[in-house]
Amino acid sequence: MFLKIVFLVLTLTGVVLPLFLADPYKMIRTDGTRVTPIRHPSWKTEFVSLFVALRTDPWIVLLFPMFFASNYFYTWRESDITGK
């Protein structure tokens, strides 16, 4: 029960904290320059970049089993925490 409350508090903290972040378009550094907000690429650009990376460096494919293995245990961890 205690663990569920801790996760709930962490989740609520993560929801509330971004409300206190400053707007990057209004931020000015001490030297007078403005902060440039990061532009995130679209999903199409991400897929094109993935195919370019796979074409130029095919060894990246060997990393995919590691990606799967690093997240494989979440099913059992989450079922243990939630009791489902």
C-alpha atoms as a PDB file:
ATOM      1  CA  MET A   1       0.000   0.000   0.000  1.00  0.00           C
ATOM      2  CA  PHE A   2       2.814   2.380   0.898  1.00  0.00           C
ATOM      3  CA  LEU A   3       4.495   1.798  -2.459  1.00  0.00           C
ATOM      4  CA  LYS A   4       1.301   2.698  -4.324  1.00  0.00           C
ATOM      5  CA  ILE A   5       1.032   5.945  -2.386  1.00  0.00           C
ATOM      6  CA  VAL A   6       4.658   6.802  -3.186  1.00  0.00           C
ATOM      7  CA  PHE A   7       4.056   6.213  -6.900  1.00  0.00           C
ATOM      8  CA  LEU A   8       0.891   8.302  -6.771  1.00  0.00           C
ATOM      9  CA  VAL A   9       2.726  11.194  -5.107  1.00  0.00           C
ATOM     10  CA  LEU A  10       5.541  10.987  -7.679  1.00  0.00           C
ATOM     11  CA  THR A  11       3.019  10.968 -10.516  1.00  0.00           C
ATOM     12  CA  LEU A  12       1.145  13.963  -9.141  1.00  0.00           C
ATOM     13  CA  THR A  13       4.415  15.806  -8.614  1.00  0.00           C
ATOM     14  CA  GLY A  14       5.305  15.150 -12.242  1.00  0.00           C
ATOM     15  CA  VAL A  15       1.944  16.588 -13.309  1.00  0.00           C
ATOM     16  CA  VAL A  16       2.191  19.734 -11.190  1.00  0.00           C
ATOM     17  CA  LEU A  17       5.885  20.674 -11.628  1.00  0.00           C
ATOM     18  CA  PRO A  18       5.674  21.606 -15.342  1.00  0.00           C
ATOM     19  CA  LEU A  19       3.099  24.248 -14.448  1.00  0.00           C
ATOM     20  CA  PHE A  20       5.872  26.193 -12.700  1.00  0.00           C
ATOM     21  CA  LEU A  21       8.322  26.118 -15.613  1.00  0.00           C
ATOM     22  CA  ALA A  22       9.148  29.420 -17.260  1.00  0.00           C
ATOM     23  CA  ASP A  23       8.027  30.058 -20.830  1.00  0.00           C
ATOM     24  CA  PRO A  24      11.161  29.695 -22.990  1.00  0.00           C
ATOM     25  CA  TYR A  25       9.927  32.363 -25.408  1.00  0.00           C
ATOM     26  CA  LYS A  26       9.980  34.950 -22.585  1.00  0.00           C
ATOM     27  CA  MET A  27      13.356  33.986 -21.109  1.00  0.00           C
ATOM     28  CA  ILE A  28      16.298  36.366 -21.491  1.00  0.00           C
ATOM     29  CA  ARG A  29      19.818  35.461 -20.359  1.00  0.00           C
ATOM     30  CA  THR A  30      21.943  37.729 -18.213  1.00  0.00           C
ATOM     31  CA  ASP A  31      23.951  38.778 -21.290  1.00  0.00           C
ATOM     32  CA  GLY A  32      20.739  39.969 -22.994  1.00  0.00           C
ATOM     33  CA  THR A  33      20.324  37.140 -25.519  1.00  0.00           C
ATOM     34  CA  ARG A  34      17.107  35.201 -25.853  1.00  0.00           C
ATOM     35  CA  VAL A  35      16.827  31.479 -25.255  1.00  0.00           C
ATOM     36  CA  THR A  36      16.209  29.484 -28.423  1.00  0.00           C
ATOM     37  CA  PRO A  37      13.604  26.779 -27.798  1.00  0.00           C
ATOM     38  CA  ILE A  38      14.439  23.325 -29.124  1.00  0.00           C
ATOM     39  CA  ARG A  39      12.473  22.292 -32.189  1.00  0.00           C
ATOM     40  CA  HIS A  40      11.608  18.624 -32.034  1.00  0.00           C
ATOM     41  CA  PRO A  41      11.549  16.712 -35.308  1.00  0.00           C
ATOM     42  CA  SER A  42       8.333  15.265 -36.650  1.00  0.00           C
ATOM     43  CA  TRP A  43       7.676  11.535 -36.653  1.00  0.00           C
ATOM     44  CA  LYS A  44       8.280  11.446 -40.404  1.00  0.00           C
ATOM     45  CA  THR A  45      11.727  12.978 -39.947  1.00  0.00           C
ATOM     46  CA  GLU A  46      12.479  10.448 -37.213  1.00  0.00           C
ATOM     47  CA  PHE A  47      11.594   7.498 -39.481  1.00  0.00           C
ATOM     48  CA  VAL A  48      13.628   8.896 -42.375  1.00  0.00           C
ATOM     49  CA  SER A  49      16.577   9.378 -40.015  1.00  0.00           C
ATOM     50  CA  LEU A  50      16.176   5.797 -38.779  1.00  0.00           C
ATOM     51  CA  PHE A  51      16.314   4.423 -42.318  1.00  0.00           C
ATOM     52  CA  VAL A  52      19.335   6.592 -43.139  1.00  0.00           C
ATOM     53  CA  ALA A  53      21.094   5.336 -40.010  1.00  0.00           C
ATOM     54  CA  LEU A  54      20.293   1.717 -40.838  1.00  0.00           C
ATOM     55  CA  ARG A  55      21.512   2.161 -44.406  1.00  0.00           C
ATOM     56  CA  THR A  56      24.769   3.875 -43.449  1.00  0.00           C
ATOM     57  CA  ASP A  57      25.520   1.713 -40.386  1.00  0.00           C
ATOM     58  CA  PRO A  58      23.787  -1.693 -40.550  1.00  0.00           C
ATOM     59  CA  TRP A  59      25.422  -2.810 -37.294  1.00  0.00           C
ATOM     60  CA  ILE A  60      22.744  -0.791 -35.478  1.00  0.00           C
ATOM     61  CA  VAL A  61      20.342  -3.678 -36.121  1.00  0.00           C
ATOM     62  CA  LEU A  62      22.369  -5.737 -33.641  1.00  0.00           C
ATOM     63  CA  LEU A  63      21.295  -3.324 -30.886  1.00  0.00           C
ATOM     64  CA  PHE A  64      17.582  -4.167 -31.261  1.00  0.00           C
ATOM     65  CA  PRO A  65      17.739  -7.365 -29.132  1.00  0.00           C
ATOM     66  CA  MET A  66      19.364  -5.319 -26.387  1.00  0.00           C
ATOM     67  CA  PHE A  67      16.541  -2.755 -26.559  1.00  0.00           C
ATOM     68  CA  PHE A  68      13.985  -5.541 -26.210  1.00  0.00           C
ATOM     69  CA  ALA A  69      15.872  -7.226 -23.368  1.00  0.00           C
ATOM     70  CA  SER A  70      16.231  -3.997 -21.396  1.00  0.00           C
ATOM     71  CA  ASN A  71      12.423  -3.535 -21.277  1.00  0.00           C
ATOM     72  CA  TYR A  72      11.377  -7.192 -21.127  1.00  0.00           C
ATOM     73  CA  PHE A  73      11.039  -7.351 -17.334  1.00  0.00           C
ATOM     74  CA  TYR A  74       8.497  -4.517 -17.085  1.00  0.00           C
ATOM     75  CA  THR A  75       5.591  -6.927 -17.558  1.00  0.00           C
ATOM     76  CA  TRP A  76       6.451  -8.835 -14.401  1.00  0.00           C
ATOM     77  CA  ARG A  77       7.481  -5.774 -12.416  1.00  0.00           C
ATOM     78  CA  GLU A  78       4.256  -3.936 -13.160  1.00  0.00           C
ATOM     79  CA  SER A  79       2.099  -6.967 -12.438  1.00  0.00           C
ATOM     80  CA  ASP A  80       3.866  -7.356  -9.107  1.00  0.00           C
ATOM     81  CA  ILE A  81       3.244  -3.720  -8.149  1.00  0.00           C
ATOM     82  CA  THR A  82      -0.341  -3.455  -9.338  1.00  0.00           C
ATOM     83  CA  GLY A  83      -1.342  -6.936  -8.195  1.00  0.00           C
ATOM     84  CA  LYS A  84      -2.971  -7.835 -11.513  1.00  0.00           C
END
